[in-house]
Amino acid sequence: MHTLSVEFELGRLAQPAFESLRPELQAIPSERSKVSLELSGDTLKLFVVAEDVVSLRAAINTWLRLIKIAEDMFNTRVTSS
């Protein structure tokens, strides 16, 4: 088994990012990797376990992208013309 643990210090964005990403844990089933996400204060913790390196890399890429998108969306300011 291959594992990865990453912590993202997101400050005030940690809670809303966690809430927006939590449904994805159910929506992306995989037989070759398992992903969990935890919230600890202002820190989002990502844990990935995979049977092989290819599955680990795929899961990591997916979740890094999802977390980056969530962070970008919460940092986007809406302006009107």
C-alpha atoms as a PDB file:
ATOM      1  CA  MET A   1       0.000   0.000   0.000  1.00  0.00           C
ATOM      2  CA  HIS A   2       1.046   3.564  -0.716  1.00  0.00           C
ATOM      3  CA  THR A   3      -0.076   6.502   1.417  1.00  0.00           C
ATOM      4  CA  LEU A   4       0.003  10.275   1.452  1.00  0.00           C
ATOM      5  CA  SER A   5      -1.008  12.767   4.104  1.00  0.00           C
ATOM      6  CA  VAL A   6      -1.158  16.492   3.354  1.00  0.00           C
ATOM      7  CA  GLU A   7      -2.263  19.439   5.469  1.00  0.00           C
ATOM      8  CA  PHE A   8      -3.567  22.694   4.002  1.00  0.00           C
ATOM      9  CA  GLU A   9      -3.662  25.718   6.292  1.00  0.00           C
ATOM     10  CA  LEU A  10      -6.562  27.613   4.763  1.00  0.00           C
ATOM     11  CA  GLY A  11      -7.469  29.958   7.589  1.00  0.00           C
ATOM     12  CA  ARG A  12     -11.073  31.152   7.413  1.00  0.00           C
ATOM     13  CA  LEU A  13     -11.577  29.164   4.199  1.00  0.00           C
ATOM     14  CA  ALA A  14     -10.990  25.774   5.844  1.00  0.00           C
ATOM     15  CA  GLN A  15     -14.568  25.245   7.045  1.00  0.00           C
ATOM     16  CA  PRO A  16     -16.359  26.263   3.826  1.00  0.00           C
ATOM     17  CA  ALA A  17     -13.823  24.332   1.717  1.00  0.00           C
ATOM     18  CA  PHE A  18     -14.351  21.236   3.845  1.00  0.00           C
ATOM     19  CA  GLU A  19     -18.132  21.521   3.569  1.00  0.00           C
ATOM     20  CA  SER A  20     -17.991  21.965  -0.204  1.00  0.00           C
ATOM     21  CA  LEU A  21     -15.581  19.046  -0.706  1.00  0.00           C
ATOM     22  CA  ARG A  22     -17.215  16.557   1.641  1.00  0.00           C
ATOM     23  CA  PRO A  23     -19.828  15.377  -0.929  1.00  0.00           C
ATOM     24  CA  GLU A  24     -16.986  14.510  -3.313  1.00  0.00           C
ATOM     25  CA  LEU A  25     -15.875  11.779  -0.909  1.00  0.00           C
ATOM     26  CA  GLN A  26     -19.081   9.912  -1.778  1.00  0.00           C
ATOM     27  CA  ALA A  27     -19.147  10.865  -5.457  1.00  0.00           C
ATOM     28  CA  ILE A  28     -15.757   9.467  -6.490  1.00  0.00           C
ATOM     29  CA  PRO A  29     -15.739   5.772  -5.679  1.00  0.00           C
ATOM     30  CA  SER A  30     -12.558   3.888  -6.442  1.00  0.00           C
ATOM     31  CA  GLU A  31     -11.609   0.312  -5.818  1.00  0.00           C
ATOM     32  CA  ARG A  32      -7.889   1.096  -5.975  1.00  0.00           C
ATOM     33  CA  SER A  33      -7.691   4.106  -3.647  1.00  0.00           C
ATOM     34  CA  LYS A  34      -9.392   5.498  -0.573  1.00  0.00           C
ATOM     35  CA  VAL A  35      -9.515   9.162   0.372  1.00  0.00           C
ATOM     36  CA  SER A  36     -10.482  10.848   3.602  1.00  0.00           C
ATOM     37  CA  LEU A  37     -10.700  14.512   4.497  1.00  0.00           C
ATOM     38  CA  GLU A  38     -10.645  16.015   7.988  1.00  0.00           C
ATOM     39  CA  LEU A  39     -11.050  19.498   9.372  1.00  0.00           C
ATOM     40  CA  SER A  40      -8.931  20.568  12.325  1.00  0.00           C
ATOM     41  CA  GLY A  41      -9.355  24.237  13.148  1.00  0.00           C
ATOM     42  CA  ASP A  42      -8.074  26.202  10.162  1.00  0.00           C
ATOM     43  CA  THR A  43      -6.401  23.142   8.648  1.00  0.00           C
ATOM     44  CA  LEU A  44      -7.800  20.767   6.056  1.00  0.00           C
ATOM     45  CA  LYS A  45      -6.175  17.318   6.202  1.00  0.00           C
ATOM     46  CA  LEU A  46      -6.147  15.009   3.184  1.00  0.00           C
ATOM     47  CA  PHE A  47      -5.311  11.306   3.507  1.00  0.00           C
ATOM     48  CA  VAL A  48      -4.905   9.028   0.485  1.00  0.00           C
ATOM     49  CA  VAL A  49      -4.261   5.272   0.528  1.00  0.00           C
ATOM     50  CA  ALA A  50      -3.815   3.393  -2.742  1.00  0.00           C
ATOM     51  CA  GLU A  51      -2.912  -0.067  -3.928  1.00  0.00           C
ATOM     52  CA  ASP A  52      -0.335   1.209  -6.413  1.00  0.00           C
ATOM     53  CA  VAL A  53       1.590   4.341  -7.322  1.00  0.00           C
ATOM     54  CA  VAL A  54      -0.517   5.056 -10.408  1.00  0.00           C
ATOM     55  CA  SER A  55      -3.730   5.077  -8.340  1.00  0.00           C
ATOM     56  CA  LEU A  56      -2.063   7.203  -5.664  1.00  0.00           C
ATOM     57  CA  ARG A  57      -0.962   9.777  -8.227  1.00  0.00           C
ATOM     58  CA  ALA A  58      -4.411   9.882  -9.841  1.00  0.00           C
ATOM     59  CA  ALA A  59      -6.161  10.382  -6.505  1.00  0.00           C
ATOM     60  CA  ILE A  60      -3.670  13.024  -5.387  1.00  0.00           C
ATOM     61  CA  ASN A  61      -4.032  14.962  -8.646  1.00  0.00           C
ATOM     62  CA  THR A  62      -7.823  14.869  -8.398  1.00  0.00           C
ATOM     63  CA  TRP A  63      -7.952  16.040  -4.799  1.00  0.00           C
ATOM     64  CA  LEU A  64      -5.267  18.709  -5.146  1.00  0.00           C
ATOM     65  CA  ARG A  65      -7.254  20.108  -8.065  1.00  0.00           C
ATOM     66  CA  LEU A  66     -10.547  20.013  -6.105  1.00  0.00           C
ATOM     67  CA  ILE A  67      -8.993  21.743  -3.089  1.00  0.00           C
ATOM     68  CA  LYS A  68      -7.397  24.411  -5.304  1.00  0.00           C
ATOM     69  CA  ILE A  69     -10.720  25.041  -7.068  1.00  0.00           C
ATOM     70  CA  ALA A  70     -12.542  25.365  -3.721  1.00  0.00           C
ATOM     71  CA  GLU A  71      -9.921  27.777  -2.429  1.00  0.00           C
ATOM     72  CA  ASP A  72     -10.035  29.849  -5.640  1.00  0.00           C
ATOM     73  CA  MET A  73     -13.836  29.997  -5.583  1.00  0.00           C
ATOM     74  CA  PHE A  74     -13.962  31.264  -2.019  1.00  0.00           C
ATOM     75  CA  ASN A  75     -11.285  33.860  -2.800  1.00  0.00           C
ATOM     76  CA  THR A  76     -13.116  35.123  -5.897  1.00  0.00           C
ATOM     77  CA  ARG A  77     -14.765  38.465  -5.449  1.00  0.00           C
ATOM     78  CA  VAL A  78     -17.879  39.181  -7.408  1.00  0.00           C
ATOM     79  CA  THR A  79     -17.991  42.645  -8.937  1.00  0.00           C
ATOM     80  CA  SER A  80     -20.883  44.278 -10.726  1.00  0.00           C
ATOM     81  CA  SER A  81     -20.673  46.676 -13.646  1.00  0.00           C
END
